[in-house]
Protein backbone atom coordinates (compact mmCIF):
# COMPACT_ATOMS: atom_id res chain seq x y z
CA MET A 1 -12.96 -3.99 -12.85
CA PRO A 2 -13.48 -7.72 -12.47
CA LYS A 3 -11.03 -9.57 -10.29
CA THR A 4 -11.03 -13.36 -10.50
CA GLN A 5 -9.74 -15.74 -7.90
CA LEU A 6 -8.04 -18.63 -9.70
CA THR A 7 -8.03 -22.14 -8.27
CA SER A 8 -6.20 -25.03 -9.89
CA THR A 9 -6.88 -28.66 -9.07
CA ALA A 10 -3.15 -29.20 -9.63
CA LEU A 11 -2.44 -27.14 -6.47
CA ARG A 12 -3.36 -27.56 -2.82
CA ASN A 13 -6.07 -25.18 -1.59
CA PRO A 14 -4.67 -22.25 0.43
CA ASN A 15 -4.97 -22.58 4.20
CA GLY A 16 -5.35 -18.86 4.80
CA VAL A 17 -7.05 -15.73 3.54
CA PHE A 18 -5.53 -15.62 0.05
CA SER A 19 -5.89 -17.18 -3.38
CA GLN A 20 -3.55 -19.36 -5.40
CA ALA A 21 -3.60 -16.64 -8.05
CA THR A 22 -5.64 -13.57 -8.91
CA ALA A 23 -6.42 -12.47 -12.46
CA ILE A 24 -7.35 -8.91 -13.33
CA GLU A 25 -8.13 -7.30 -16.64
CA ALA A 26 -5.41 -4.64 -16.60
CA THR A 27 -7.50 -1.64 -17.46
CA GLY A 28 -7.29 0.92 -14.75
CA ARG A 29 -4.77 2.42 -12.44
CA LEU A 30 -2.09 0.32 -10.77
CA VAL A 31 -1.46 1.38 -7.18
CA PHE A 32 1.62 0.10 -5.38
CA VAL A 33 1.24 0.47 -1.62
CA SER A 34 4.52 0.62 0.29
CA GLY A 35 5.02 -1.63 3.29
CA MET A 36 2.53 -0.52 5.93
CA THR A 37 3.26 -1.04 9.61
CA ALA A 38 1.22 -0.60 12.79
CA ARG A 39 2.12 3.10 12.97
CA LYS A 40 -1.02 5.13 13.72
CA PRO A 41 -1.65 8.59 12.20
CA ASP A 42 -0.47 10.23 15.45
CA GLY A 43 2.90 8.45 15.13
CA THR A 44 2.42 5.92 17.93
CA ILE A 45 2.61 2.18 17.33
CA ALA A 46 -0.66 0.28 17.76
CA GLY A 47 -0.73 -2.93 19.75
CA VAL A 48 2.86 -3.22 20.90
CA GLY A 49 3.31 -6.96 21.58
CA ASP A 50 -0.16 -7.80 20.14
CA ILE A 51 -0.10 -9.30 16.63
CA SER A 52 -3.87 -9.10 16.18
CA GLU A 53 -4.02 -5.40 17.00
CA GLN A 54 -0.98 -4.66 14.85
CA THR A 55 -2.47 -6.59 11.94
CA ARG A 56 -5.70 -4.62 12.32
CA GLN A 57 -3.81 -1.31 12.20
CA VAL A 58 -1.74 -2.44 9.22
CA CYS A 59 -4.92 -3.40 7.33
CA GLU A 60 -6.43 -0.01 8.21
CA ASN A 61 -3.29 1.68 6.87
CA VAL A 62 -3.35 -0.31 3.62
CA GLN A 63 -7.04 0.52 3.28
CA ALA A 64 -6.34 4.25 3.81
CA ALA A 65 -3.65 4.26 1.11
CA VAL A 66 -5.88 2.45 -1.40
CA ARG A 67 -8.79 4.76 -0.57
CA GLU A 68 -6.57 7.79 -1.23
CA ALA A 69 -6.07 6.39 -4.74
CA GLY A 70 -9.84 6.05 -5.18
CA GLY A 71 -10.18 2.35 -4.47
CA THR A 72 -11.17 -0.15 -1.81
CA LEU A 73 -9.60 -3.31 -0.43
CA ASP A 74 -11.65 -5.19 -3.03
CA ASP A 75 -9.27 -3.69 -5.61
CA VAL A 76 -6.19 -5.23 -3.95
CA CYS A 77 -4.87 -8.09 -6.06
CA ARG A 78 -1.64 -8.91 -4.18
CA VAL A 79 -0.17 -8.52 -0.72
CA ASP A 80 3.27 -9.33 0.62
CA VAL A 81 3.34 -9.92 4.36
CA TYR A 82 6.45 -9.79 6.52
CA VAL A 83 6.11 -11.14 10.06
CA ARG A 84 8.43 -11.54 13.00
CA ASN A 85 6.88 -14.88 14.04
CA MET A 86 5.26 -17.32 11.61
CA GLU A 87 3.51 -18.93 14.60
CA ASP A 88 1.14 -15.92 14.41
CA PHE A 89 -0.22 -17.11 11.03
CA ALA A 90 -3.71 -18.04 12.32
CA LYS A 91 -4.11 -14.81 14.31
CA ILE A 92 -3.02 -12.72 11.32
CA HIS A 93 -5.44 -14.48 8.99
CA ALA A 94 -8.30 -14.13 11.47
CA VAL A 95 -7.85 -10.36 11.20
CA ARG A 96 -7.24 -10.38 7.44
CA ALA A 97 -10.57 -12.20 7.00
CA GLN A 98 -12.28 -9.10 8.44
CA TYR A 99 -10.77 -6.91 5.70
CA PHE A 100 -10.46 -9.03 2.56
CA ALA A 101 -13.39 -10.76 0.84
CA GLU A 102 -13.45 -13.15 -2.10
CA PRO A 103 -12.07 -12.98 -4.64
CA LEU A 104 -9.04 -12.87 -2.35
CA PRO A 105 -5.72 -11.29 -3.29
CA ALA A 106 -2.69 -13.42 -4.04
CA SER A 107 -0.32 -13.38 -1.07
CA THR A 108 3.14 -14.25 0.14
CA MET A 109 4.00 -14.36 3.85
CA VAL A 110 7.56 -14.64 5.11
CA GLU A 111 9.15 -14.53 8.54
CA VAL A 112 11.90 -11.96 8.96
CA SER A 113 14.37 -11.41 11.78
CA LYS A 114 13.81 -7.65 12.00
CA LEU A 115 11.53 -4.90 10.74
CA ALA A 116 12.19 -1.13 10.68
CA HIS A 117 11.31 -0.71 14.40
CA PRO A 118 11.82 -3.30 17.13
CA ASP A 119 8.13 -3.03 18.19
CA TYR A 120 6.79 -3.88 14.72
CA LEU A 121 5.50 -7.45 14.42
CA ILE A 122 4.09 -7.24 10.87
CA GLU A 123 4.39 -5.22 7.66
CA ILE A 124 2.21 -5.53 4.57
CA SER A 125 2.73 -4.09 1.08
CA ALA A 126 0.00 -4.30 -1.55
CA ILE A 127 -0.80 -3.88 -5.22
CA ALA A 128 -4.25 -2.68 -6.26
CA VAL A 129 -5.83 -2.20 -9.67
CA ILE A 130 -8.41 0.57 -9.49
CA PRO A 131 -10.94 1.01 -12.30
């Protein structure tokens, strides 16, 4: 299913690993991935205190959920990212660039005061359209 990264000259280019908008022909299966954290399959939390390692684990968890639905990260059209410290933006996007390729998903990132566990630094939910 073709996914198109939209870029408008009326908008500033994104400064991270995301697009201004993503268009998808809506034939296929919509998959809504709940907020994924740095919780590993054995129940431990990856990278306590390390935003890069936590982001890596979160991306692996999103990938596992999308794979279970029969897709890949290339099928992800939107992510919502919740972080404890917006100063980690560059580190988070350095890791995201290892997982997401163009056309990039649309994205929102917000800083929050707390997540579900005090050791979590990031949480990502996603929407995928799988052919």
